[in-house]
Amino acid sequence: MTMEQSEAELRNRKSSMRQRAKLQDQREKSRDERREEKEQRLRELEQEANWPDTDHQGYVTLFASSLPELDVFDRDMQNKAKNWHMKLNPMKGQQRAALTTILPLGI
C-alpha cells in the first residue's frame, strides 16, 4: 500500500468513526469500538512516523565462513529487522520450505 493510499484509508476510517459517534449520541462505547479506536490511534502514530502499512514476504539467506560467524550475522540481522519494524522467521536448515512459502506457485 502506498503512503497516499494508507493516508486516505486512515482519513476514511476516522471519518466513519466520527459519524458513528455522532449517531450514537454519546452512548457508552462497546469493547470492539474502543479497540477499533485504539488501533486507529496506533495506525495514526505509525503513519506520522512514516511507517506505511505494508505486507511483503521475502527470503534472506546469510552466508559465513564458520558457524559462530553465521550466528553473529544472524543476531545482527534480527536486531536490524526489529529497528526496521520487520518480522523475520528464522528457518535454519529449512531453506527449501522457506523458499516454497514465498514463491507464487511453490516448487
N, C-alpha and C. Protein backbone atom coordinates (compact mmCIF):
# COMPACT_ATOMS: atom_id res chain seq x y z
N MET A 1 0.86 -1.17 0.00
CA MET A 1 0.00 0.00 0.00
C MET A 1 0.90 1.23 0.00
N THR A 2 0.62 2.14 -0.89
CA THR A 2 1.44 3.35 -0.93
C THR A 2 1.10 4.24 0.25
N MET A 3 1.97 5.21 0.51
CA MET A 3 1.75 6.14 1.61
C MET A 3 0.44 6.90 1.40
N GLU A 4 0.16 7.32 0.16
CA GLU A 4 -1.06 8.07 -0.12
C GLU A 4 -2.29 7.21 0.14
N GLN A 5 -2.25 5.95 -0.30
CA GLN A 5 -3.38 5.05 -0.06
C GLN A 5 -3.60 4.82 1.43
N SER A 6 -2.51 4.64 2.14
CA SER A 6 -2.60 4.42 3.58
C SER A 6 -3.20 5.63 4.28
N GLU A 7 -2.76 6.83 3.90
CA GLU A 7 -3.30 8.05 4.49
C GLU A 7 -4.78 8.21 4.16
N ALA A 8 -5.16 7.90 2.92
CA ALA A 8 -6.57 8.01 2.52
C ALA A 8 -7.43 7.04 3.33
N GLU A 9 -6.94 5.83 3.51
CA GLU A 9 -7.69 4.84 4.29
C GLU A 9 -7.84 5.31 5.73
N LEU A 10 -6.79 5.88 6.29
CA LEU A 10 -6.87 6.40 7.66
C LEU A 10 -7.92 7.51 7.75
N ARG A 11 -7.92 8.42 6.79
CA ARG A 11 -8.90 9.51 6.81
C ARG A 11 -10.33 8.96 6.71
N ASN A 12 -10.54 8.00 5.82
CA ASN A 12 -11.87 7.41 5.65
C ASN A 12 -12.34 6.71 6.92
N ARG A 13 -11.46 5.95 7.55
CA ARG A 13 -11.84 5.25 8.77
C ARG A 13 -12.13 6.22 9.90
N LYS A 14 -11.33 7.29 9.99
CA LYS A 14 -11.54 8.27 11.04
C LYS A 14 -12.88 8.98 10.83
N SER A 15 -13.19 9.33 9.60
CA SER A 15 -14.46 9.97 9.29
C SER A 15 -15.62 9.05 9.63
N SER A 16 -15.50 7.79 9.29
CA SER A 16 -16.54 6.81 9.60
C SER A 16 -16.75 6.68 11.11
N MET A 17 -15.67 6.67 11.85
CA MET A 17 -15.76 6.57 13.31
C MET A 17 -16.45 7.81 13.89
N ARG A 18 -16.14 8.97 13.36
CA ARG A 18 -16.77 10.22 13.84
C ARG A 18 -18.27 10.21 13.56
N GLN A 19 -18.65 9.77 12.37
CA GLN A 19 -20.07 9.71 12.02
C GLN A 19 -20.82 8.76 12.95
N ARG A 20 -20.25 7.60 13.21
CA ARG A 20 -20.89 6.64 14.12
C ARG A 20 -21.02 7.23 15.51
N ALA A 21 -20.00 7.94 15.97
CA ALA A 21 -20.03 8.54 17.30
C ALA A 21 -21.15 9.56 17.40
N LYS A 22 -21.34 10.38 16.36
CA LYS A 22 -22.42 11.37 16.38
C LYS A 22 -23.78 10.70 16.41
N LEU A 23 -23.92 9.62 15.65
CA LEU A 23 -25.20 8.92 15.58
C LEU A 23 -25.54 8.22 16.91
N GLN A 24 -24.55 7.85 17.63
CA GLN A 24 -24.79 7.10 18.86
C GLN A 24 -25.06 8.00 20.06
N ASP A 25 -24.99 9.30 19.87
CA ASP A 25 -25.34 10.26 20.92
C ASP A 25 -24.69 9.97 22.26
N GLN A 26 -23.43 9.82 22.25
CA GLN A 26 -22.66 9.69 23.48
C GLN A 26 -22.98 8.44 24.30
N ARG A 27 -23.58 7.43 23.69
CA ARG A 27 -23.81 6.21 24.46
C ARG A 27 -22.47 5.57 24.76
N GLU A 28 -22.42 4.71 25.76
CA GLU A 28 -21.16 4.07 26.14
C GLU A 28 -20.68 3.17 25.01
N LYS A 29 -19.41 3.26 24.72
CA LYS A 29 -18.84 2.50 23.60
C LYS A 29 -18.64 1.05 23.98
N SER A 30 -18.82 0.18 23.00
CA SER A 30 -18.60 -1.25 23.22
C SER A 30 -17.10 -1.53 23.24
N ARG A 31 -16.77 -2.71 23.67
CA ARG A 31 -15.36 -3.12 23.73
C ARG A 31 -14.75 -3.09 22.33
N ASP A 32 -15.51 -3.54 21.32
CA ASP A 32 -14.99 -3.55 19.94
C ASP A 32 -14.75 -2.12 19.43
N GLU A 33 -15.65 -1.22 19.78
CA GLU A 33 -15.47 0.17 19.36
C GLU A 33 -14.25 0.80 20.02
N ARG A 34 -14.07 0.51 21.30
CA ARG A 34 -12.88 1.03 22.00
C ARG A 34 -11.61 0.44 21.38
N ARG A 35 -11.62 -0.84 21.05
CA ARG A 35 -10.46 -1.49 20.43
C ARG A 35 -10.18 -0.87 19.07
N GLU A 36 -11.24 -0.63 18.29
CA GLU A 36 -11.06 -0.03 16.97
C GLU A 36 -10.44 1.36 17.08
N GLU A 37 -10.90 2.15 18.04
CA GLU A 37 -10.33 3.49 18.23
C GLU A 37 -8.87 3.41 18.63
N LYS A 38 -8.55 2.46 19.49
CA LYS A 38 -7.15 2.30 19.91
C LYS A 38 -6.27 1.92 18.71
N GLU A 39 -6.74 0.97 17.90
CA GLU A 39 -5.99 0.57 16.71
C GLU A 39 -5.82 1.74 15.75
N GLN A 40 -6.89 2.54 15.63
CA GLN A 40 -6.82 3.71 14.76
C GLN A 40 -5.76 4.69 15.25
N ARG A 41 -5.73 4.95 16.55
CA ARG A 41 -4.72 5.87 17.11
C ARG A 41 -3.31 5.33 16.86
N LEU A 42 -3.12 4.02 17.02
CA LEU A 42 -1.80 3.42 16.78
C LEU A 42 -1.40 3.56 15.31
N ARG A 43 -2.35 3.32 14.41
CA ARG A 43 -2.03 3.46 12.98
C ARG A 43 -1.68 4.90 12.64
N GLU A 44 -2.38 5.85 13.26
CA GLU A 44 -2.06 7.26 13.00
C GLU A 44 -0.65 7.59 13.48
N LEU A 45 -0.27 7.07 14.64
CA LEU A 45 1.09 7.30 15.15
C LEU A 45 2.12 6.69 14.22
N GLU A 46 1.84 5.49 13.72
CA GLU A 46 2.76 4.85 12.78
C GLU A 46 2.86 5.66 11.50
N GLN A 47 1.72 6.16 11.05
CA GLN A 47 1.71 6.97 9.83
C GLN A 47 2.56 8.22 10.01
N GLU A 48 2.42 8.86 11.17
CA GLU A 48 3.20 10.06 11.44
C GLU A 48 4.69 9.74 11.50
N ALA A 49 5.03 8.53 11.93
CA ALA A 49 6.43 8.12 12.00
C ALA A 49 6.92 7.62 10.64
N ASN A 50 6.04 7.72 9.61
CA ASN A 50 6.39 7.31 8.24
C ASN A 50 6.58 5.80 8.13
N TRP A 51 5.70 5.04 8.78
CA TRP A 51 5.70 3.58 8.64
C TRP A 51 4.42 3.17 7.95
N PRO A 52 4.32 3.28 6.64
CA PRO A 52 3.07 2.91 5.96
C PRO A 52 2.77 1.42 6.11
N ASP A 53 1.51 1.09 5.93
CA ASP A 53 1.11 -0.32 6.00
C ASP A 53 1.74 -1.08 4.86
N THR A 54 2.40 -2.14 5.17
CA THR A 54 2.99 -2.99 4.14
C THR A 54 2.81 -4.44 4.53
N ASP A 55 2.80 -5.27 3.54
CA ASP A 55 2.71 -6.70 3.78
C ASP A 55 3.49 -7.38 2.66
N HIS A 56 4.74 -7.61 2.92
CA HIS A 56 5.62 -8.22 1.93
C HIS A 56 6.27 -9.45 2.52
N GLN A 57 6.56 -10.39 1.65
CA GLN A 57 7.33 -11.54 2.07
C GLN A 57 8.61 -11.57 1.26
N GLY A 58 9.63 -12.05 1.89
CA GLY A 58 10.91 -12.16 1.21
C GLY A 58 11.70 -13.32 1.77
N TYR A 59 12.81 -13.57 1.17
CA TYR A 59 13.67 -14.68 1.57
C TYR A 59 15.08 -14.13 1.70
N VAL A 60 15.66 -14.25 2.88
CA VAL A 60 17.01 -13.75 3.15
C VAL A 60 17.90 -14.94 3.47
N THR A 61 19.04 -15.00 2.81
CA THR A 61 20.00 -16.07 3.08
C THR A 61 21.28 -15.42 3.59
N LEU A 62 21.76 -15.91 4.71
CA LEU A 62 23.02 -15.41 5.27
C LEU A 62 24.11 -16.44 5.03
N PHE A 63 25.27 -15.97 4.65
CA PHE A 63 26.43 -16.84 4.43
C PHE A 63 27.57 -16.40 5.35
N ALA A 64 28.33 -17.36 5.81
CA ALA A 64 29.50 -17.06 6.65
C ALA A 64 30.51 -18.19 6.48
N SER A 65 31.75 -17.91 6.85
CA SER A 65 32.80 -18.92 6.70
C SER A 65 32.79 -19.94 7.84
N SER A 66 32.10 -19.62 8.95
CA SER A 66 32.03 -20.56 10.07
C SER A 66 30.67 -20.41 10.77
N LEU A 67 30.29 -21.43 11.54
CA LEU A 67 29.02 -21.37 12.27
C LEU A 67 28.97 -20.25 13.30
N PRO A 68 30.05 -20.04 14.08
CA PRO A 68 29.99 -18.90 15.03
C PRO A 68 29.81 -17.56 14.34
N GLU A 69 30.47 -17.39 13.20
CA GLU A 69 30.32 -16.15 12.45
C GLU A 69 28.90 -16.02 11.90
N LEU A 70 28.33 -17.14 11.48
CA LEU A 70 26.95 -17.13 11.00
C LEU A 70 25.98 -16.74 12.12
N ASP A 71 26.22 -17.23 13.32
CA ASP A 71 25.38 -16.86 14.46
C ASP A 71 25.45 -15.36 14.74
N VAL A 72 26.64 -14.78 14.61
CA VAL A 72 26.81 -13.33 14.81
C VAL A 72 26.02 -12.57 13.74
N PHE A 73 26.13 -13.01 12.47
CA PHE A 73 25.38 -12.37 11.39
C PHE A 73 23.88 -12.47 11.63
N ASP A 74 23.45 -13.64 12.10
CA ASP A 74 22.03 -13.87 12.36
C ASP A 74 21.51 -12.92 13.44
N ARG A 75 22.24 -12.81 14.56
CA ARG A 75 21.83 -11.90 15.64
C ARG A 75 21.78 -10.46 15.14
N ASP A 76 22.78 -10.07 14.34
CA ASP A 76 22.82 -8.71 13.81
C ASP A 76 21.62 -8.45 12.90
N MET A 77 21.29 -9.42 12.07
CA MET A 77 20.16 -9.27 11.15
C MET A 77 18.84 -9.18 11.93
N GLN A 78 18.69 -9.99 12.97
CA GLN A 78 17.47 -9.94 13.79
C GLN A 78 17.32 -8.57 14.45
N ASN A 79 18.41 -8.03 14.96
CA ASN A 79 18.36 -6.71 15.61
C ASN A 79 18.00 -5.61 14.60
N LYS A 80 18.61 -5.68 13.42
CA LYS A 80 18.30 -4.69 12.39
C LYS A 80 16.85 -4.78 11.95
N ALA A 81 16.35 -5.99 11.85
CA ALA A 81 14.96 -6.18 11.43
C ALA A 81 14.00 -5.53 12.42
N LYS A 82 14.28 -5.65 13.70
CA LYS A 82 13.44 -5.02 14.72
C LYS A 82 13.44 -3.50 14.55
N ASN A 83 14.61 -2.94 14.27
CA ASN A 83 14.71 -1.49 14.08
C ASN A 83 13.94 -1.03 12.85
N TRP A 84 13.82 -1.90 11.85
CA TRP A 84 13.11 -1.57 10.62
C TRP A 84 11.65 -1.99 10.68
N HIS A 85 11.18 -2.42 11.84
CA HIS A 85 9.79 -2.85 12.03
C HIS A 85 9.43 -4.00 11.10
N MET A 86 10.36 -4.95 11.01
CA MET A 86 10.17 -6.15 10.20
C MET A 86 10.10 -7.36 11.12
N LYS A 87 9.47 -8.39 10.64
CA LYS A 87 9.41 -9.64 11.38
C LYS A 87 10.12 -10.70 10.55
N LEU A 88 11.13 -11.32 11.14
CA LEU A 88 11.86 -12.40 10.46
C LEU A 88 11.55 -13.71 11.16
N ASN A 89 11.34 -14.74 10.38
CA ASN A 89 11.13 -16.08 10.92
C ASN A 89 12.33 -16.94 10.53
N PRO A 90 13.27 -17.15 11.47
CA PRO A 90 14.44 -17.95 11.14
C PRO A 90 14.05 -19.39 10.79
N MET A 91 14.63 -19.90 9.74
CA MET A 91 14.34 -21.26 9.31
C MET A 91 15.65 -21.97 9.02
N LYS A 92 16.44 -22.16 10.05
CA LYS A 92 17.74 -22.82 9.89
C LYS A 92 17.51 -24.26 9.46
N GLY A 93 18.18 -24.63 8.39
CA GLY A 93 18.07 -25.99 7.88
C GLY A 93 16.75 -26.25 7.17
N GLN A 94 15.97 -25.22 6.94
CA GLN A 94 14.67 -25.38 6.29
C GLN A 94 14.56 -24.46 5.07
N GLN A 95 15.67 -24.32 4.37
CA GLN A 95 15.70 -23.36 3.28
C GLN A 95 14.68 -23.68 2.19
N ARG A 96 14.55 -24.96 1.84
CA ARG A 96 13.59 -25.32 0.78
C ARG A 96 12.16 -24.98 1.21
N ALA A 97 11.82 -25.29 2.44
CA ALA A 97 10.47 -24.99 2.94
C ALA A 97 10.22 -23.48 2.94
N ALA A 98 11.22 -22.71 3.34
CA ALA A 98 11.06 -21.25 3.36
C ALA A 98 10.92 -20.70 1.95
N LEU A 99 11.72 -21.20 1.04
CA LEU A 99 11.64 -20.73 -0.34
C LEU A 99 10.28 -21.07 -0.94
N THR A 100 9.77 -22.24 -0.66
CA THR A 100 8.47 -22.66 -1.19
C THR A 100 7.36 -21.74 -0.70
N THR A 101 7.44 -21.24 0.52
CA THR A 101 6.37 -20.39 1.06
C THR A 101 6.29 -19.03 0.38
N ILE A 102 7.37 -18.56 -0.23
CA ILE A 102 7.33 -17.21 -0.82
C ILE A 102 7.18 -17.24 -2.33
N LEU A 103 7.31 -18.39 -2.95
CA LEU A 103 7.14 -18.48 -4.40
C LEU A 103 5.65 -18.54 -4.73
N PRO A 104 5.23 -17.87 -5.78
CA PRO A 104 3.80 -17.85 -6.11
C PRO A 104 3.20 -19.24 -6.32
N LEU A 105 3.92 -20.12 -6.97
CA LEU A 105 3.38 -21.45 -7.25
C LEU A 105 4.15 -22.56 -6.53
N GLY A 106 5.08 -22.21 -5.67
CA GLY A 106 5.88 -23.22 -4.99
C GLY A 106 6.87 -23.85 -5.96
N ILE A 107 7.52 -24.92 -5.52
CA ILE A 107 8.45 -25.61 -6.40
C ILE A 107 7.93 -27.01 -6.67
